[in-house]
Amino acid sequence: MRYALLMHYREPGEGEISEEAIEQAKEAFGAYGRALESAGVLLSADVLMPSDATTSVTCREGALRVQDGPFAETKEGLAGVFMVDVPDLDAAIGWAEKCARPRRLSSTARGHADVRWWQASGRPWPG
């Protein structure tokens, strides 16, 4: 089953984290991605820009609203997404823990629901 491993972290302020720490984090995420790839479970990996580079797009009551920055003020930002194909939720949790624990991140393992899943579930299509 496919899962999105969503990595959340507290975004540091400007100059709050050293260049050395940034390089260490990049290497750690690279090693994690290589481990996923070596295990044959990695489908894709994306590191996201900081939340201040976000553009929020909403449509309510027929009105389109585009605003710079995140839609809501949060303490944690979404740092990246790893899409994996693993046998079950326990395996997804295991991979999420391998990334989160040493980096003091919060991670979410969320199953991927394609159109066939929605149709079989009998749930109404979102939106």
C-alpha atoms as a PDB file:
ATOM      1  CA  MET A   1       0.000   0.000   0.000  1.00  0.00           C
ATOM      2  CA  ARG A   2       1.179   3.506  -0.710  1.00  0.00           C
ATOM      3  CA  TYR A   3       1.701   5.933   2.165  1.00  0.00           C
ATOM      4  CA  ALA A   4       2.728   9.559   2.363  1.00  0.00           C
ATOM      5  CA  LEU A   5       5.200  10.115   5.193  1.00  0.00           C
ATOM      6  CA  LEU A   6       4.648  13.762   6.087  1.00  0.00           C
ATOM      7  CA  MET A   7       7.547  15.345   7.967  1.00  0.00           C
ATOM      8  CA  HIS A   8       6.694  18.306  10.220  1.00  0.00           C
ATOM      9  CA  TYR A   9       9.127  20.538  12.077  1.00  0.00           C
ATOM     10  CA  ARG A  10       9.307  23.826  13.917  1.00  0.00           C
ATOM     11  CA  GLU A  11      10.627  26.284  11.362  1.00  0.00           C
ATOM     12  CA  PRO A  12      13.673  28.155  12.641  1.00  0.00           C
ATOM     13  CA  GLY A  13      13.885  31.926  12.385  1.00  0.00           C
ATOM     14  CA  GLU A  14      16.448  33.670  10.184  1.00  0.00           C
ATOM     15  CA  GLY A  15      19.963  32.915  11.494  1.00  0.00           C
ATOM     16  CA  GLU A  16      18.622  30.642  14.240  1.00  0.00           C
ATOM     17  CA  ILE A  17      20.327  27.571  12.797  1.00  0.00           C
ATOM     18  CA  SER A  18      23.963  27.381  11.738  1.00  0.00           C
ATOM     19  CA  GLU A  19      25.136  26.523   8.220  1.00  0.00           C
ATOM     20  CA  GLU A  20      26.851  23.464   9.703  1.00  0.00           C
ATOM     21  CA  ALA A  21      23.561  22.249  11.195  1.00  0.00           C
ATOM     22  CA  ILE A  22      21.798  22.840   7.873  1.00  0.00           C
ATOM     23  CA  GLU A  23      24.418  20.750   6.050  1.00  0.00           C
ATOM     24  CA  GLN A  24      24.099  17.982   8.658  1.00  0.00           C
ATOM     25  CA  ALA A  25      20.322  17.965   8.218  1.00  0.00           C
ATOM     26  CA  LYS A  26      20.673  17.776   4.420  1.00  0.00           C
ATOM     27  CA  GLU A  27      23.034  14.808   4.745  1.00  0.00           C
ATOM     28  CA  ALA A  28      20.731  13.079   7.229  1.00  0.00           C
ATOM     29  CA  PHE A  29      17.716  13.455   4.937  1.00  0.00           C
ATOM     30  CA  GLY A  30      19.816  12.271   2.007  1.00  0.00           C
ATOM     31  CA  ALA A  31      20.841   9.170   3.965  1.00  0.00           C
ATOM     32  CA  TYR A  32      17.214   8.526   4.911  1.00  0.00           C
ATOM     33  CA  GLY A  33      16.142   8.818   1.270  1.00  0.00           C
ATOM     34  CA  ARG A  34      18.927   6.458   0.194  1.00  0.00           C
ATOM     35  CA  ALA A  35      17.829   3.939   2.844  1.00  0.00           C
ATOM     36  CA  LEU A  36      14.247   4.074   1.535  1.00  0.00           C
ATOM     37  CA  GLU A  37      15.550   3.635  -2.011  1.00  0.00           C
ATOM     38  CA  SER A  38      17.844   0.736  -1.044  1.00  0.00           C
ATOM     39  CA  ALA A  39      14.900  -1.004   0.626  1.00  0.00           C
ATOM     40  CA  GLY A  40      12.928  -0.651  -2.622  1.00  0.00           C
ATOM     41  CA  VAL A  41      10.038   1.252  -0.999  1.00  0.00           C
ATOM     42  CA  LEU A  42      10.674   4.838  -2.140  1.00  0.00           C
ATOM     43  CA  LEU A  43       8.279   6.179  -4.779  1.00  0.00           C
ATOM     44  CA  SER A  44       9.165   9.878  -4.478  1.00  0.00           C
ATOM     45  CA  ALA A  45      10.636  12.406  -2.074  1.00  0.00           C
ATOM     46  CA  ASP A  46      10.087  16.138  -1.922  1.00  0.00           C
ATOM     47  CA  VAL A  47      11.545  18.724   0.435  1.00  0.00           C
ATOM     48  CA  LEU A  48       9.324  21.781   0.640  1.00  0.00           C
ATOM     49  CA  MET A  49      10.239  25.451   0.709  1.00  0.00           C
ATOM     50  CA  PRO A  50       9.710  27.286   4.028  1.00  0.00           C
ATOM     51  CA  SER A  51       6.132  28.266   4.834  1.00  0.00           C
ATOM     52  CA  ASP A  52       6.819  31.942   4.086  1.00  0.00           C
ATOM     53  CA  ALA A  53       7.239  30.876   0.442  1.00  0.00           C
ATOM     54  CA  THR A  54       3.716  29.427   0.455  1.00  0.00           C
ATOM     55  CA  THR A  55       0.813  30.660  -1.658  1.00  0.00           C
ATOM     56  CA  SER A  56      -2.571  29.625  -0.308  1.00  0.00           C
ATOM     57  CA  VAL A  57      -5.426  29.161  -2.775  1.00  0.00           C
ATOM     58  CA  THR A  58      -8.976  28.818  -1.484  1.00  0.00           C
ATOM     59  CA  CYS A  59     -12.376  28.891  -3.120  1.00  0.00           C
ATOM     60  CA  ARG A  60     -15.357  29.612  -0.917  1.00  0.00           C
ATOM     61  CA  GLU A  61     -18.852  30.375  -2.111  1.00  0.00           C
ATOM     62  CA  GLY A  62     -17.540  30.652  -5.659  1.00  0.00           C
ATOM     63  CA  ALA A  63     -14.893  33.268  -4.802  1.00  0.00           C
ATOM     64  CA  LEU A  64     -11.246  32.524  -5.486  1.00  0.00           C
ATOM     65  CA  ARG A  65      -8.797  33.822  -2.902  1.00  0.00           C
ATOM     66  CA  VAL A  66      -5.022  33.759  -3.387  1.00  0.00           C
ATOM     67  CA  GLN A  67      -2.796  34.923  -0.561  1.00  0.00           C
ATOM     68  CA  ASP A  68       0.910  34.858   0.119  1.00  0.00           C
ATOM     69  CA  GLY A  69       2.037  32.824   3.073  1.00  0.00           C
ATOM     70  CA  PRO A  70       0.421  29.914   4.857  1.00  0.00           C
ATOM     71  CA  PHE A  71      -3.333  29.929   5.304  1.00  0.00           C
ATOM     72  CA  ALA A  72      -3.134  29.511   9.080  1.00  0.00           C
ATOM     73  CA  GLU A  73      -0.522  30.417  11.656  1.00  0.00           C
ATOM     74  CA  THR A  74       1.021  27.191  12.942  1.00  0.00           C
ATOM     75  CA  LYS A  75       3.873  26.219  15.229  1.00  0.00           C
ATOM     76  CA  GLU A  76       5.071  23.478  12.881  1.00  0.00           C
ATOM     77  CA  GLY A  77       5.527  23.502   9.137  1.00  0.00           C
ATOM     78  CA  LEU A  78       5.401  20.690   6.606  1.00  0.00           C
ATOM     79  CA  ALA A  79       9.047  20.053   5.765  1.00  0.00           C
ATOM     80  CA  GLY A  80       8.707  17.331   3.195  1.00  0.00           C
ATOM     81  CA  VAL A  81       6.875  14.308   1.874  1.00  0.00           C
ATOM     82  CA  PHE A  82       8.208  10.831   1.200  1.00  0.00           C
ATOM     83  CA  MET A  83       5.873   8.570  -0.803  1.00  0.00           C
ATOM     84  CA  VAL A  84       6.524   4.918  -0.024  1.00  0.00           C
ATOM     85  CA  ASP A  85       5.030   1.601  -1.067  1.00  0.00           C
ATOM     86  CA  VAL A  86       5.079  -0.769   1.905  1.00  0.00           C
ATOM     87  CA  PRO A  87       3.041  -3.811   2.931  1.00  0.00           C
ATOM     88  CA  ASP A  88       1.033  -2.140   5.701  1.00  0.00           C
ATOM     89  CA  LEU A  89       0.635   0.710   8.188  1.00  0.00           C
ATOM     90  CA  ASP A  90       3.103  -0.863  10.628  1.00  0.00           C
ATOM     91  CA  ALA A  91       5.843  -0.746   7.986  1.00  0.00           C
ATOM     92  CA  ALA A  92       4.957   2.891   7.173  1.00  0.00           C
ATOM     93  CA  ILE A  93       5.140   3.790  10.871  1.00  0.00           C
ATOM     94  CA  GLY A  94       8.530   2.077  11.119  1.00  0.00           C
ATOM     95  CA  TRP A  95       9.923   4.165   8.266  1.00  0.00           C
ATOM     96  CA  ALA A  96       8.379   7.361   9.659  1.00  0.00           C
ATOM     97  CA  GLU A  97      10.024   6.684  13.023  1.00  0.00           C
ATOM     98  CA  LYS A  98      13.444   6.211  11.404  1.00  0.00           C
ATOM     99  CA  CYS A  99      13.258   9.752  10.102  1.00  0.00           C
ATOM    100  CA  ALA A 100      11.477  11.455  12.982  1.00  0.00           C
ATOM    101  CA  ARG A 101      13.257  10.080  16.039  1.00  0.00           C
ATOM    102  CA  PRO A 102      16.864  11.193  15.417  1.00  0.00           C
ATOM    103  CA  ARG A 103      15.806  14.578  14.019  1.00  0.00           C
ATOM    104  CA  ARG A 104      13.162  15.431  16.629  1.00  0.00           C
ATOM    105  CA  LEU A 105      10.537  15.792  13.932  1.00  0.00           C
ATOM    106  CA  SER A 106       6.886  14.979  14.015  1.00  0.00           C
ATOM    107  CA  SER A 107       5.811  12.636  11.269  1.00  0.00           C
ATOM    108  CA  THR A 108       2.506  11.408   9.934  1.00  0.00           C
ATOM    109  CA  ALA A 109       1.992   8.196   7.951  1.00  0.00           C
ATOM    110  CA  ARG A 110      -1.076   8.690   5.800  1.00  0.00           C
ATOM    111  CA  GLY A 111      -2.455   6.102   3.391  1.00  0.00           C
ATOM    112  CA  HIS A 112      -2.813   7.048  -0.244  1.00  0.00           C
ATOM    113  CA  ALA A 113      -6.368   6.807  -1.562  1.00  0.00           C
ATOM    114  CA  ASP A 114      -6.676   6.685  -5.324  1.00  0.00           C
ATOM    115  CA  VAL A 115      -9.917   7.028  -7.271  1.00  0.00           C
ATOM    116  CA  ARG A 116     -10.571   3.266  -7.197  1.00  0.00           C
ATOM    117  CA  TRP A 117     -10.385   3.301  -3.372  1.00  0.00           C
ATOM    118  CA  TRP A 118     -12.890   6.154  -3.190  1.00  0.00           C
ATOM    119  CA  GLN A 119     -15.261   4.380  -5.537  1.00  0.00           C
ATOM    120  CA  ALA A 120     -15.030   1.097  -3.599  1.00  0.00           C
ATOM    121  CA  SER A 121     -15.423   2.804  -0.215  1.00  0.00           C
ATOM    122  CA  GLY A 122     -18.822   4.284  -1.051  1.00  0.00           C
ATOM    123  CA  ARG A 123     -17.679   7.617   0.418  1.00  0.00           C
ATOM    124  CA  PRO A 124     -18.729  10.821  -1.322  1.00  0.00           C
ATOM    125  CA  TRP A 125     -16.005  12.445  -3.392  1.00  0.00           C
ATOM    126  CA  PRO A 126     -14.458  15.347  -1.448  1.00  0.00           C
ATOM    127  CA  GLY A 127     -15.432  18.818  -2.530  1.00  0.00           C
END
